[in-house]
Amino acid sequence: MIYDPEANIMSLELTKDPIVNAKEFGNFIIHFSKTGKPVLIEILDASKLVGQFDKVKDKGRLKRIQPVPEA
């Protein structure tokens, strides 16, 4: 995971596959391979999202995050 404080973007690389297109979902941009597999997730205004996690964690509502099983 990489955070660019100047752009306020967090990037999470999921695979090394080549990116052929991307789709924007609000503050998220998901880049896909030619088979439709997510390759990279970018979070715009990332500091706001991190701040929200901190609020939830501080209230004790954030327990353990479980990984999503691969299909």
PDB file of N, CA and C in Angstrom:
ATOM      1  N   MET A   1       0.850  -1.159   0.000  1.00  0.00           N
ATOM      2  CA  MET A   1       0.000   0.000   0.000  1.00  0.00           C
ATOM      3  C   MET A   1       0.903   1.231   0.000  1.00  0.00           C
ATOM      4  N   ILE A   2       0.562   2.192  -0.833  1.00  0.00           N
ATOM      5  CA  ILE A   2       1.349   3.415  -0.956  1.00  0.00           C
ATOM      6  C   ILE A   2       0.427   4.610  -0.752  1.00  0.00           C
ATOM      7  N   TYR A   3       0.890   5.576   0.033  1.00  0.00           N
ATOM      8  CA  TYR A   3       0.131   6.809   0.231  1.00  0.00           C
ATOM      9  C   TYR A   3       0.940   7.976  -0.303  1.00  0.00           C
ATOM     10  N   ASP A   4       0.314   8.771  -1.164  1.00  0.00           N
ATOM     11  CA  ASP A   4       0.936   9.979  -1.701  1.00  0.00           C
ATOM     12  C   ASP A   4       0.291  11.173  -1.000  1.00  0.00           C
ATOM     13  N   PRO A   5       0.956  11.749   0.010  1.00  0.00           N
ATOM     14  CA  PRO A   5       0.337  12.837   0.768  1.00  0.00           C
ATOM     15  C   PRO A   5       0.089  14.097  -0.061  1.00  0.00           C
ATOM     16  N   GLU A   6       0.927  14.331  -1.064  1.00  0.00           N
ATOM     17  CA  GLU A   6       0.740  15.520  -1.901  1.00  0.00           C
ATOM     18  C   GLU A   6      -0.553  15.417  -2.713  1.00  0.00           C
ATOM     19  N   ALA A   7      -0.836  14.244  -3.260  1.00  0.00           N
ATOM     20  CA  ALA A   7      -2.062  14.025  -4.034  1.00  0.00           C
ATOM     21  C   ALA A   7      -3.210  13.542  -3.154  1.00  0.00           C
ATOM     22  N   ASN A   8      -2.892  13.123  -1.923  1.00  0.00           N
ATOM     23  CA  ASN A   8      -3.870  12.569  -0.981  1.00  0.00           C
ATOM     24  C   ASN A   8      -4.561  11.334  -1.575  1.00  0.00           C
ATOM     25  N   ILE A   9      -3.741  10.462  -2.168  1.00  0.00           N
ATOM     26  CA  ILE A   9      -4.241   9.231  -2.792  1.00  0.00           C
ATOM     27  C   ILE A   9      -3.518   8.036  -2.184  1.00  0.00           C
ATOM     28  N   MET A  10      -4.297   7.022  -1.836  1.00  0.00           N
ATOM     29  CA  MET A  10      -3.732   5.764  -1.356  1.00  0.00           C
ATOM     30  C   MET A  10      -3.917   4.732  -2.469  1.00  0.00           C
ATOM     31  N   SER A  11      -2.874   3.973  -2.760  1.00  0.00           N
ATOM     32  CA  SER A  11      -2.914   2.959  -3.814  1.00  0.00           C
ATOM     33  C   SER A  11      -2.631   1.592  -3.224  1.00  0.00           C
ATOM     34  N   LEU A  12      -3.428   0.633  -3.633  1.00  0.00           N
ATOM     35  CA  LEU A  12      -3.261  -0.743  -3.181  1.00  0.00           C
ATOM     36  C   LEU A  12      -3.159  -1.631  -4.414  1.00  0.00           C
ATOM     37  N   GLU A  13      -1.950  -2.158  -4.655  1.00  0.00           N
ATOM     38  CA  GLU A  13      -1.734  -3.029  -5.810  1.00  0.00           C
ATOM     39  C   GLU A  13      -2.113  -4.455  -5.422  1.00  0.00           C
ATOM     40  N   LEU A  14      -3.035  -5.038  -6.182  1.00  0.00           N
ATOM     41  CA  LEU A  14      -3.516  -6.387  -5.893  1.00  0.00           C
ATOM     42  C   LEU A  14      -2.771  -7.449  -6.686  1.00  0.00           C
ATOM     43  N   THR A  15      -2.430  -7.132  -7.930  1.00  0.00           N
ATOM     44  CA  THR A  15      -1.675  -8.053  -8.782  1.00  0.00           C
ATOM     45  C   THR A  15      -0.724  -7.241  -9.656  1.00  0.00           C
ATOM     46  N   LYS A  16       0.135  -7.938 -10.371  1.00  0.00           N
ATOM     47  CA  LYS A  16       1.065  -7.295 -11.305  1.00  0.00           C
ATOM     48  C   LYS A  16       0.532  -7.342 -12.736  1.00  0.00           C
ATOM     49  N   ASP A  17      -0.718  -7.792 -12.920  1.00  0.00           N
ATOM     50  CA  ASP A  17      -1.291  -7.889 -14.264  1.00  0.00           C
ATOM     51  C   ASP A  17      -1.326  -6.512 -14.932  1.00  0.00           C
ATOM     52  N   PRO A  18      -1.221  -6.464 -16.266  1.00  0.00           N
ATOM     53  CA  PRO A  18      -1.336  -5.183 -16.973  1.00  0.00           C
ATOM     54  C   PRO A  18      -2.751  -4.605 -16.811  1.00  0.00           C
ATOM     55  N   ILE A  19      -2.822  -3.301 -16.683  1.00  0.00           N
ATOM     56  CA  ILE A  19      -4.106  -2.606 -16.547  1.00  0.00           C
ATOM     57  C   ILE A  19      -4.611  -2.236 -17.933  1.00  0.00           C
ATOM     58  N   VAL A  20      -5.890  -2.558 -18.201  1.00  0.00           N
ATOM     59  CA  VAL A  20      -6.466  -2.202 -19.497  1.00  0.00           C
ATOM     60  C   VAL A  20      -7.587  -1.173 -19.381  1.00  0.00           C
ATOM     61  N   ASN A  21      -8.228  -1.077 -18.224  1.00  0.00           N
ATOM     62  CA  ASN A  21      -9.242  -0.046 -18.035  1.00  0.00           C
ATOM     63  C   ASN A  21      -9.457   0.213 -16.554  1.00  0.00           C
ATOM     64  N   ALA A  22     -10.238   1.239 -16.272  1.00  0.00           N
ATOM     65  CA  ALA A  22     -10.510   1.608 -14.883  1.00  0.00           C
ATOM     66  C   ALA A  22     -11.937   2.112 -14.772  1.00  0.00           C
ATOM     67  N   LYS A  23     -12.486   1.982 -13.579  1.00  0.00           N
ATOM     68  CA  LYS A  23     -13.837   2.450 -13.310  1.00  0.00           C
ATOM     69  C   LYS A  23     -13.814   3.218 -11.995  1.00  0.00           C
ATOM     70  N   GLU A  24     -14.514   4.349 -11.965  1.00  0.00           N
ATOM     71  CA  GLU A  24     -14.563   5.169 -10.760  1.00  0.00           C
ATOM     72  C   GLU A  24     -15.847   4.884  -9.998  1.00  0.00           C
ATOM     73  N   PHE A  25     -15.702   4.668  -8.695  1.00  0.00           N
ATOM     74  CA  PHE A  25     -16.820   4.439  -7.790  1.00  0.00           C
ATOM     75  C   PHE A  25     -16.685   5.437  -6.645  1.00  0.00           C
ATOM     76  N   GLY A  26     -17.252   6.614  -6.805  1.00  0.00           N
ATOM     77  CA  GLY A  26     -17.105   7.642  -5.772  1.00  0.00           C
ATOM     78  C   GLY A  26     -15.649   8.029  -5.617  1.00  0.00           C
ATOM     79  N   ASN A  27     -15.097   7.842  -4.419  1.00  0.00           N
ATOM     80  CA  ASN A  27     -13.696   8.182  -4.158  1.00  0.00           C
ATOM     81  C   ASN A  27     -12.745   7.028  -4.433  1.00  0.00           C
ATOM     82  N   PHE A  28     -13.223   5.985  -5.084  1.00  0.00           N
ATOM     83  CA  PHE A  28     -12.388   4.832  -5.403  1.00  0.00           C
ATOM     84  C   PHE A  28     -12.256   4.708  -6.916  1.00  0.00           C
ATOM     85  N   ILE A  29     -11.055   4.406  -7.384  1.00  0.00           N
ATOM     86  CA  ILE A  29     -10.836   4.063  -8.787  1.00  0.00           C
ATOM     87  C   ILE A  29     -10.259   2.661  -8.788  1.00  0.00           C
ATOM     88  N   ILE A  30     -10.946   1.758  -9.482  1.00  0.00           N
ATOM     89  CA  ILE A  30     -10.480   0.373  -9.566  1.00  0.00           C
ATOM     90  C   ILE A  30     -10.002   0.124 -10.989  1.00  0.00           C
ATOM     91  N   HIS A  31      -8.759  -0.320 -11.100  1.00  0.00           N
ATOM     92  CA  HIS A  31      -8.144  -0.617 -12.390  1.00  0.00           C
ATOM     93  C   HIS A  31      -8.237  -2.128 -12.612  1.00  0.00           C
ATOM     94  N   PHE A  32      -8.591  -2.516 -13.842  1.00  0.00           N
ATOM     95  CA  PHE A  32      -8.844  -3.919 -14.157  1.00  0.00           C
ATOM     96  C   PHE A  32      -7.908  -4.447 -15.237  1.00  0.00           C
ATOM     97  N   SER A  33      -7.685  -5.771 -15.199  1.00  0.00           N
ATOM     98  CA  SER A  33      -6.930  -6.470 -16.247  1.00  0.00           C
ATOM     99  C   SER A  33      -7.882  -6.755 -17.407  1.00  0.00           C
ATOM    100  N   LYS A  34      -7.359  -7.325 -18.475  1.00  0.00           N
ATOM    101  CA  LYS A  34      -8.220  -7.623 -19.624  1.00  0.00           C
ATOM    102  C   LYS A  34      -9.238  -8.715 -19.309  1.00  0.00           C
ATOM    103  N   THR A  35      -9.005  -9.500 -18.262  1.00  0.00           N
ATOM    104  CA  THR A  35      -9.977 -10.528 -17.867  1.00  0.00           C
ATOM    105  C   THR A  35     -10.988  -9.998 -16.847  1.00  0.00           C
ATOM    106  N   GLY A  36     -10.888  -8.706 -16.500  1.00  0.00           N
ATOM    107  CA  GLY A  36     -11.819  -8.107 -15.557  1.00  0.00           C
ATOM    108  C   GLY A  36     -11.419  -8.243 -14.103  1.00  0.00           C
ATOM    109  N   LYS A  37     -10.215  -8.725 -13.865  1.00  0.00           N
ATOM    110  CA  LYS A  37      -9.710  -8.907 -12.500  1.00  0.00           C
ATOM    111  C   LYS A  37      -9.181  -7.571 -11.966  1.00  0.00           C
ATOM    112  N   PRO A  38      -9.559  -7.171 -10.736  1.00  0.00           N
ATOM    113  CA  PRO A  38      -9.014  -5.935 -10.175  1.00  0.00           C
ATOM    114  C   PRO A  38      -7.494  -6.033 -10.005  1.00  0.00           C
ATOM    115  N   VAL A  39      -6.795  -5.006 -10.463  1.00  0.00           N
ATOM    116  CA  VAL A  39      -5.339  -4.975 -10.411  1.00  0.00           C
ATOM    117  C   VAL A  39      -4.852  -3.948  -9.383  1.00  0.00           C
ATOM    118  N   LEU A  40      -5.495  -2.794  -9.358  1.00  0.00           N
ATOM    119  CA  LEU A  40      -5.065  -1.687  -8.508  1.00  0.00           C
ATOM    120  C   LEU A  40      -6.293  -0.935  -8.011  1.00  0.00           C
ATOM    121  N   ILE A  41      -6.279  -0.558  -6.739  1.00  0.00           N
ATOM    122  CA  ILE A  41      -7.348   0.266  -6.172  1.00  0.00           C
ATOM    123  C   ILE A  41      -6.715   1.564  -5.703  1.00  0.00           C
ATOM    124  N   GLU A  42      -7.272   2.673  -6.165  1.00  0.00           N
ATOM    125  CA  GLU A  42      -6.827   3.988  -5.716  1.00  0.00           C
ATOM    126  C   GLU A  42      -7.940   4.603  -4.875  1.00  0.00           C
ATOM    127  N   ILE A  43      -7.575   5.173  -3.748  1.00  0.00           N
ATOM    128  CA  ILE A  43      -8.536   5.830  -2.870  1.00  0.00           C
ATOM    129  C   ILE A  43      -8.225   7.318  -2.892  1.00  0.00           C
ATOM    130  N   LEU A  44      -9.157   8.098  -3.449  1.00  0.00           N
ATOM    131  CA  LEU A  44      -9.003   9.541  -3.514  1.00  0.00           C
ATOM    132  C   LEU A  44      -9.414  10.150  -2.178  1.00  0.00           C
ATOM    133  N   ASP A  45      -8.860  11.285  -1.823  1.00  0.00           N
ATOM    134  CA  ASP A  45      -9.123  11.913  -0.516  1.00  0.00           C
ATOM    135  C   ASP A  45      -8.901  10.903   0.601  1.00  0.00           C
ATOM    136  N   ALA A  46      -7.806  10.177   0.518  1.00  0.00           N
ATOM    137  CA  ALA A  46      -7.524   9.066   1.433  1.00  0.00           C
ATOM    138  C   ALA A  46      -7.466   9.495   2.892  1.00  0.00           C
ATOM    139  N   SER A  47      -7.031  10.705   3.167  1.00  0.00           N
ATOM    140  CA  SER A  47      -6.932  11.135   4.566  1.00  0.00           C
ATOM    141  C   SER A  47      -8.298  11.162   5.238  1.00  0.00           C
ATOM    142  N   LYS A  48      -9.346  11.447   4.476  1.00  0.00           N
ATOM    143  CA  LYS A  48     -10.705  11.428   5.037  1.00  0.00           C
ATOM    144  C   LYS A  48     -11.102  10.012   5.425  1.00  0.00           C
ATOM    145  N   LEU A  49     -10.776   9.040   4.569  1.00  0.00           N
ATOM    146  CA  LEU A  49     -11.117   7.646   4.849  1.00  0.00           C
ATOM    147  C   LEU A  49     -10.356   7.145   6.067  1.00  0.00           C
ATOM    148  N   VAL A  50      -9.076   7.437   6.138  1.00  0.00           N
ATOM    149  CA  VAL A  50      -8.269   7.009   7.279  1.00  0.00           C
ATOM    150  C   VAL A  50      -8.812   7.641   8.555  1.00  0.00           C
ATOM    151  N   GLY A  51      -9.219   8.890   8.477  1.00  0.00           N
ATOM    152  CA  GLY A  51      -9.802   9.565   9.629  1.00  0.00           C
ATOM    153  C   GLY A  51     -11.074   8.891  10.107  1.00  0.00           C
ATOM    154  N   GLN A  52     -11.885   8.387   9.180  1.00  0.00           N
ATOM    155  CA  GLN A  52     -13.110   7.681   9.547  1.00  0.00           C
ATOM    156  C   GLN A  52     -12.788   6.365  10.248  1.00  0.00           C
ATOM    157  N   PHE A  53     -11.772   5.640   9.772  1.00  0.00           N
ATOM    158  CA  PHE A  53     -11.364   4.395  10.435  1.00  0.00           C
ATOM    159  C   PHE A  53     -10.898   4.675  11.858  1.00  0.00           C
ATOM    160  N   ASP A  54     -10.166   5.776  12.027  1.00  0.00           N
ATOM    161  CA  ASP A  54      -9.694   6.130  13.368  1.00  0.00           C
ATOM    162  C   ASP A  54     -10.860   6.397  14.309  1.00  0.00           C
ATOM    163  N   LYS A  55     -11.905   7.061  13.823  1.00  0.00           N
ATOM    164  CA  LYS A  55     -13.079   7.341  14.656  1.00  0.00           C
ATOM    165  C   LYS A  55     -13.759   6.053  15.082  1.00  0.00           C
ATOM    166  N   VAL A  56     -13.921   5.121  14.138  1.00  0.00           N
ATOM    167  CA  VAL A  56     -14.572   3.843  14.442  1.00  0.00           C
ATOM    168  C   VAL A  56     -13.720   3.046  15.419  1.00  0.00           C
ATOM    169  N   LYS A  57     -12.411   3.000  15.176  1.00  0.00           N
ATOM    170  CA  LYS A  57     -11.492   2.259  16.043  1.00  0.00           C
ATOM    171  C   LYS A  57     -11.514   2.831  17.458  1.00  0.00           C
ATOM    172  N   ASP A  58     -11.525   4.151  17.560  1.00  0.00           N
ATOM    173  CA  ASP A  58     -11.534   4.796  18.869  1.00  0.00           C
ATOM    174  C   ASP A  58     -12.795   4.460  19.660  1.00  0.00           C
ATOM    175  N   LYS A  59     -13.884   4.193  18.973  1.00  0.00           N
ATOM    176  CA  LYS A  59     -15.133   3.857  19.653  1.00  0.00           C
ATOM    177  C   LYS A  59     -15.232   2.363  19.943  1.00  0.00           C
ATOM    178  N   GLY A  60     -14.209   1.604  19.574  1.00  0.00           N
ATOM    179  CA  GLY A  60     -14.180   0.177  19.869  1.00  0.00           C
ATOM    180  C   GLY A  60     -15.062  -0.663  18.968  1.00  0.00           C
ATOM    181  N   ARG A  61     -15.520  -0.086  17.860  1.00  0.00           N
ATOM    182  CA  ARG A  61     -16.405  -0.839  16.969  1.00  0.00           C
ATOM    183  C   ARG A  61     -15.648  -1.583  15.879  1.00  0.00           C
ATOM    184  N   LEU A  62     -14.383  -1.273  15.709  1.00  0.00           N
ATOM    185  CA  LEU A  62     -13.597  -1.950  14.685  1.00  0.00           C
ATOM    186  C   LEU A  62     -12.890  -3.119  15.341  1.00  0.00           C
ATOM    187  N   LYS A  63     -13.360  -4.301  15.042  1.00  0.00           N
ATOM    188  CA  LYS A  63     -12.785  -5.512  15.639  1.00  0.00           C
ATOM    189  C   LYS A  63     -11.688  -6.023  14.717  1.00  0.00           C
ATOM    190  N   ARG A  64     -11.822  -7.230  14.302  1.00  0.00           N
ATOM    191  CA  ARG A  64     -10.827  -7.857  13.442  1.00  0.00           C
ATOM    192  C   ARG A  64     -11.366  -7.924  12.022  1.00  0.00           C
ATOM    193  N   ILE A  65     -10.587  -7.492  11.063  1.00  0.00           N
ATOM    194  CA  ILE A  65     -11.007  -7.534   9.668  1.00  0.00           C
ATOM    195  C   ILE A  65     -10.606  -8.882   9.090  1.00  0.00           C
ATOM    196  N   GLN A  66     -11.586  -9.594   8.542  1.00  0.00           N
ATOM    197  CA  GLN A  66     -11.353 -10.907   7.954  1.00  0.00           C
ATOM    198  C   GLN A  66     -11.051 -10.759   6.467  1.00  0.00           C
ATOM    199  N   PRO A  67     -10.069 -11.494   5.946  1.00  0.00           N
ATOM    200  CA  PRO A  67      -9.819 -11.456   4.503  1.00  0.00           C
ATOM    201  C   PRO A  67     -10.969 -12.112   3.752  1.00  0.00           C
ATOM    202  N   VAL A  68     -11.227 -11.613   2.555  1.00  0.00           N
ATOM    203  CA  VAL A  68     -12.269 -12.186   1.711  1.00  0.00           C
ATOM    204  C   VAL A  68     -11.685 -13.393   0.995  1.00  0.00           C
ATOM    205  N   PRO A  69     -12.338 -14.574   1.094  1.00  0.00           N
ATOM    206  CA  PRO A  69     -11.803 -15.757   0.414  1.00  0.00           C
ATOM    207  C   PRO A  69     -11.853 -15.587  -1.099  1.00  0.00           C
ATOM    208  N   GLU A  70     -10.830 -16.095  -1.771  1.00  0.00           N
ATOM    209  CA  GLU A  70     -10.797 -16.025  -3.233  1.00  0.00           C
ATOM    210  C   GLU A  70     -11.779 -17.019  -3.808  1.00  0.00           C
ATOM    211  N   ALA A  71     -12.413 -16.613  -4.902  1.00  0.00           N
ATOM    212  CA  ALA A  71     -13.413 -17.479  -5.550  1.00  0.00           C
ATOM    213  C   ALA A  71     -12.758 -18.512  -6.422  1.00  0.00           C
TER     214      ALA A  71
END
